């Protein structure tokens, strides 16, 4: 694939911008309530250029493509602020948004990112249970997968949104940690996993539980971040001491399913 990008570098340059977009969005989102609009836009454009340039370097493109990757978002942002734009930038922006957030419109599953504190707790859970296989359904940028992989543990992630998947896979390849696959979480094989983790939304939880309790092996564990399975009592609920007071809901597959009163 790298050969293709080197033979047709414009494809690699476009990929770099697409992959950089969710990274920059995740990095700047916490600042939205603390920084004024124009400075925040400027920071986001600068980060977009830097990340895109770094990705073009990883793809092995010529150095002048790094300059293009860095300047393109700045030029685009300037043109948007000045006005009198042609229509094509809005079409490109729509395409990028569709590649990043396709899961939201198709499956009512937004892009939620697990913080490092939660990933650390999940790693400790695997250690305590002596679990060796873990799967993150809807893994986003793959942070949990990379954090849990290693030291005798195998962590995998499944993601469907194209740009998010590519970003996660690139980060996994660069760090050498975890395995990221693109696929439908409903068709993913979970039979061999010791632990399955998900940070999705309330919408799919009932159907997801039906899949997991049927397909996962006895003694395995399902952990849901923030969203409980409706009408099912979790075995435990942990409230973490991070900034967002994350709640983790634990559902052992071997335990009896008890309807809530």
Protein backbone atom coordinates (compact mmCIF):
# COMPACT_ATOMS: atom_id res chain seq x y z
CA UNK A 1 0.00 0.00 0.00
CA UNK A 2 2.88 2.37 0.72
CA UNK A 3 4.10 1.77 -2.84
CA UNK A 4 0.72 2.97 -4.15
CA UNK A 5 0.96 6.19 -2.17
CA UNK A 6 4.49 6.81 -3.42
CA UNK A 7 3.45 6.23 -7.02
CA UNK A 8 0.34 8.41 -6.61
CA UNK A 9 1.35 10.83 -3.85
CA UNK A 10 -1.82 12.91 -4.05
CA UNK A 11 -3.69 9.91 -2.63
CA UNK A 12 -1.27 9.79 0.27
CA UNK A 13 -1.61 13.54 0.81
CA UNK A 14 -5.41 13.25 0.89
CA UNK A 15 -5.22 10.29 3.27
CA UNK A 16 -2.97 12.32 5.56
CA UNK A 17 -5.55 15.10 5.82
CA UNK A 18 -8.39 12.60 6.40
CA UNK A 19 -6.48 10.71 9.10
CA UNK A 20 -5.33 13.93 10.80
CA UNK A 21 -8.87 15.30 11.12
CA UNK A 22 -10.18 13.09 13.98
CA UNK A 23 -6.86 13.40 15.82
CA UNK A 24 -7.08 17.20 15.75
CA UNK A 25 -10.78 17.10 16.65
CA UNK A 26 -10.03 14.96 19.70
CA UNK A 27 -7.11 17.20 20.74
CA UNK A 28 -8.97 20.51 20.45
CA UNK A 29 -12.43 19.48 21.68
CA UNK A 30 -11.56 19.97 25.39
CA UNK A 31 -10.49 23.57 24.61
CA UNK A 32 -13.79 24.59 23.04
CA UNK A 33 -15.11 26.10 26.28
CA UNK A 34 -11.84 27.76 27.27
CA UNK A 35 -10.51 29.36 24.07
CA UNK A 36 -12.14 31.97 21.88
CA UNK A 37 -13.45 30.85 18.49
CA UNK A 38 -10.84 32.38 16.16
CA UNK A 39 -7.77 31.37 18.21
CA UNK A 40 -9.19 27.86 18.52
CA UNK A 41 -9.72 27.64 14.76
CA UNK A 42 -6.16 28.85 14.21
CA UNK A 43 -4.78 26.26 16.63
CA UNK A 44 -6.82 23.49 15.00
CA UNK A 45 -5.58 24.45 11.52
CA UNK A 46 -1.99 24.54 12.74
CA UNK A 47 -2.32 21.12 14.37
CA UNK A 48 -4.04 19.74 11.27
CA UNK A 49 -1.09 20.82 9.15
CA UNK A 50 1.50 19.43 11.55
CA UNK A 51 -0.23 16.06 11.98
CA UNK A 52 -0.89 15.72 8.25
CA UNK A 53 2.75 16.54 7.49
CA UNK A 54 3.87 13.90 9.97
CA UNK A 55 1.63 11.30 8.36
CA UNK A 56 2.95 12.08 4.87
CA UNK A 57 6.43 11.53 6.27
CA UNK A 58 5.38 8.12 7.66
CA UNK A 59 3.93 7.26 4.25
CA UNK A 60 7.31 7.98 2.69
CA UNK A 61 6.25 10.85 0.43
CA UNK A 62 8.74 13.37 -0.89
CA UNK A 63 9.62 16.19 1.50
CA UNK A 64 7.83 18.85 -0.54
CA UNK A 65 4.59 16.97 0.07
CA UNK A 66 5.14 17.65 3.78
CA UNK A 67 5.07 21.36 2.98
CA UNK A 68 1.84 20.95 1.00
CA UNK A 69 0.28 18.89 3.78
CA UNK A 70 1.16 21.58 6.32
CA UNK A 71 0.00 24.56 4.25
CA UNK A 72 -3.21 23.07 2.82
CA UNK A 73 -5.40 23.36 5.96
CA UNK A 74 -4.04 26.85 6.66
CA UNK A 75 -4.90 27.93 3.12
CA UNK A 76 -8.33 26.33 3.36
CA UNK A 77 -9.05 27.99 6.67
CA UNK A 78 -7.94 31.37 5.41
CA UNK A 79 -10.15 31.06 2.35
CA UNK A 80 -13.13 30.09 4.49
CA UNK A 81 -12.64 33.08 6.76
CA UNK A 82 -12.18 35.51 3.88
CA UNK A 83 -15.33 34.35 2.06
CA UNK A 84 -16.25 34.29 -1.65
CA UNK A 85 -15.50 30.58 -1.81
CA UNK A 86 -16.22 28.15 -4.60
CA UNK A 87 -18.40 25.17 -3.72
CA UNK A 88 -15.77 22.41 -3.75
CA UNK A 89 -14.28 23.06 -0.25
CA UNK A 90 -17.66 22.40 1.30
CA UNK A 91 -17.95 19.15 -0.63
CA UNK A 92 -14.52 18.10 0.61
CA UNK A 93 -15.44 19.02 4.18
CA UNK A 94 -18.62 16.98 3.87
CA UNK A 95 -16.62 13.99 2.62
CA UNK A 96 -14.17 14.22 5.50
CA UNK A 97 -16.96 14.47 8.06
CA UNK A 98 -18.73 11.50 6.49
CA UNK A 99 -15.55 9.41 6.68
CA UNK A 100 -15.08 10.27 10.35
CA UNK A 101 -18.64 10.22 11.67
CA UNK A 102 -20.41 7.66 9.47
CA UNK A 103 -21.19 5.49 12.52
CA UNK A 104 -23.23 8.27 14.08
CA UNK A 105 -25.72 8.45 11.22
CA UNK A 106 -25.82 4.73 10.44
CA UNK A 107 -25.78 3.18 13.89
CA UNK A 108 -26.39 6.06 16.33
CA UNK A 109 -22.91 5.41 17.73
CA UNK A 110 -20.90 8.64 18.16
CA UNK A 111 -17.12 8.83 18.34
CA UNK A 112 -16.34 8.58 22.07
CA UNK A 113 -12.70 8.39 23.14
CA UNK A 114 -11.62 6.49 26.25
CA UNK A 115 -9.26 8.46 28.48
CA UNK A 116 -5.93 7.15 29.77
CA UNK A 117 -7.20 6.70 33.34
CA UNK A 118 -9.93 4.34 32.15
CA UNK A 119 -7.50 2.44 29.95
CA UNK A 120 -5.22 1.97 32.96
CA UNK A 121 -8.09 0.55 35.01
CA UNK A 122 -9.01 -1.85 32.19
CA UNK A 123 -5.40 -3.02 32.05
CA UNK A 124 -5.50 -3.73 35.78
CA UNK A 125 -8.76 -5.67 35.34
CA UNK A 126 -7.10 -7.88 32.75
CA UNK A 127 -4.14 -8.47 35.05
CA UNK A 128 -6.34 -9.36 38.02
CA UNK A 129 -8.41 -11.79 35.94
CA UNK A 130 -5.29 -13.17 34.20
CA UNK A 131 -7.04 -12.41 30.92
CA UNK A 132 -4.95 -12.71 27.78
CA UNK A 133 -7.40 -11.69 25.02
CA UNK A 134 -9.36 -8.45 24.81
CA UNK A 135 -11.57 -6.90 22.13
CA UNK A 136 -12.70 -3.27 21.89
CA UNK A 137 -15.92 -2.98 19.87
CA UNK A 138 -16.03 0.41 18.16
CA UNK A 139 -12.46 1.16 19.17
CA UNK A 140 -12.30 4.69 17.75
CA UNK A 141 -8.68 5.79 17.53
CA UNK A 142 -7.54 2.57 19.25
CA UNK A 143 -6.14 4.06 22.45
CA UNK A 144 -7.47 1.27 24.66
CA UNK A 145 -6.15 -1.39 22.29
CA UNK A 146 -2.64 0.07 22.35
CA UNK A 147 -2.73 0.56 26.13
CA UNK A 148 -3.77 -3.02 26.88
CA UNK A 149 -1.71 -4.88 24.30
CA UNK A 150 1.57 -6.43 25.43
CA UNK A 151 2.99 -8.21 28.49
CA UNK A 152 1.34 -11.43 27.38
CA UNK A 153 -1.97 -9.77 26.51
CA UNK A 154 -3.42 -9.59 22.99
CA UNK A 155 -5.70 -6.62 22.36
CA UNK A 156 -7.76 -6.09 19.21
CA UNK A 157 -10.10 -3.36 18.07
CA UNK A 158 -12.92 -3.19 15.53
CA UNK A 159 -13.91 0.12 13.93
CA UNK A 160 -16.19 0.86 10.99
CA UNK A 161 -15.80 4.60 10.27
CA UNK A 162 -13.21 4.76 7.45
CA UNK A 163 -11.08 7.70 8.54
CA UNK A 164 -11.13 6.71 12.21
CA UNK A 165 -10.19 3.13 11.30
CA UNK A 166 -7.27 4.30 9.16
CA UNK A 167 -6.03 6.55 11.95
CA UNK A 168 -6.25 3.76 14.52
CA UNK A 169 -4.52 1.27 12.24
CA UNK A 170 -1.73 3.74 11.43
CA UNK A 171 -1.14 4.49 15.12
CA UNK A 172 -1.13 0.77 15.88
CA UNK A 173 1.37 0.12 13.11
CA UNK A 174 3.65 2.96 14.24
CA UNK A 175 3.64 1.87 17.89
CA UNK A 176 3.63 -1.86 17.15
CA UNK A 177 0.86 -2.41 19.67
CA UNK A 178 -2.53 -4.01 19.12
CA UNK A 179 -4.46 -5.07 16.05
CA UNK A 180 -7.09 -2.88 14.41
CA UNK A 181 -9.61 -4.25 11.94
CA UNK A 182 -12.32 -2.53 9.98
CA UNK A 183 -15.64 -4.28 10.36
CA UNK A 184 -19.19 -4.39 11.64
CA UNK A 185 -19.30 -4.99 15.38
CA UNK A 186 -22.47 -7.07 14.91
CA UNK A 187 -20.57 -9.54 12.72
CA UNK A 188 -17.42 -9.67 14.84
CA UNK A 189 -16.43 -13.02 16.36
CA UNK A 190 -16.23 -12.67 20.16
CA UNK A 191 -16.15 -16.36 21.08
CA UNK A 192 -12.47 -16.49 22.09
CA UNK A 193 -12.24 -13.20 23.99
CA UNK A 194 -11.62 -13.08 27.75
CA UNK A 195 -12.89 -9.50 27.91
CA UNK A 196 -14.94 -7.35 25.55
CA UNK A 197 -15.05 -3.60 26.06
CA UNK A 198 -17.39 -1.04 24.48
CA UNK A 199 -17.91 2.73 24.73
CA UNK A 200 -20.83 3.22 22.37
CA UNK A 201 -24.20 4.84 23.20
CA UNK A 202 -27.49 3.78 24.83
CA UNK A 203 -29.02 2.84 21.46
CA UNK A 204 -27.22 -0.48 20.73
CA UNK A 205 -26.77 -1.79 24.27
CA UNK A 206 -29.76 -4.15 24.47
CA UNK A 207 -29.02 -5.82 21.15
CA UNK A 208 -25.29 -5.92 21.88
CA UNK A 209 -25.91 -7.73 25.17
CA UNK A 210 -28.00 -10.34 23.38
CA UNK A 211 -25.10 -10.98 21.02
CA UNK A 212 -22.42 -11.09 23.71
CA UNK A 213 -24.22 -13.28 26.25
CA UNK A 214 -24.94 -15.76 23.45
CA UNK A 215 -21.54 -15.79 21.76
CA UNK A 216 -18.96 -15.13 24.49
CA UNK A 217 -17.51 -18.06 26.43
CA UNK A 218 -18.46 -18.75 30.07
CA UNK A 219 -16.21 -16.93 32.52
CA UNK A 220 -15.51 -14.04 30.18
CA UNK A 221 -16.39 -10.43 30.93
CA UNK A 222 -18.17 -7.59 29.16
CA UNK A 223 -17.30 -4.05 30.31
CA UNK A 224 -19.37 -1.08 29.14
CA UNK A 225 -18.17 2.48 29.58
CA UNK A 226 -20.93 4.89 30.71
CA UNK A 227 -23.88 3.06 29.16
CA UNK A 228 -25.50 0.16 31.08
CA UNK A 229 -27.40 -2.68 29.49
CA UNK A 230 -31.09 -1.81 29.93
CA UNK A 231 -33.06 -3.99 32.36
CA UNK A 232 -29.99 -6.04 33.34
CA UNK A 233 -28.20 -5.70 36.69
CA UNK A 234 -24.42 -5.37 36.30
CA UNK A 235 -22.28 -7.45 38.63
CA UNK A 236 -20.34 -4.32 39.60
CA UNK A 237 -20.31 -0.59 38.83
CA UNK A 238 -17.03 1.26 39.21
CA UNK A 239 -16.98 5.06 39.32
CA UNK A 240 -13.49 6.24 38.45
CA UNK A 241 -11.76 9.31 39.84
CA UNK A 242 -11.06 10.89 36.46
CA UNK A 243 -12.36 14.31 35.39
CA UNK A 244 -15.55 12.97 33.82
CA UNK A 245 -16.30 10.51 36.66
CA UNK A 246 -16.38 7.59 34.26
CA UNK A 247 -18.61 4.67 35.21
CA UNK A 248 -17.72 1.15 34.15
CA UNK A 249 -20.43 -1.51 34.13
CA UNK A 250 -19.25 -5.13 34.55
CA UNK A 251 -21.26 -8.03 33.13
CA UNK A 252 -19.73 -11.49 33.70
CA UNK A 253 -21.03 -13.81 31.01
CA UNK A 254 -21.22 -16.75 33.38
CA UNK A 255 -23.52 -14.88 35.77
CA UNK A 256 -27.28 -15.26 35.59
CA UNK A 257 -29.10 -12.41 33.89
CA UNK A 258 -31.44 -10.82 36.44
CA UNK A 259 -34.13 -8.39 35.21
CA UNK A 260 -34.25 -5.13 37.13
CA UNK A 261 -37.40 -4.44 39.10
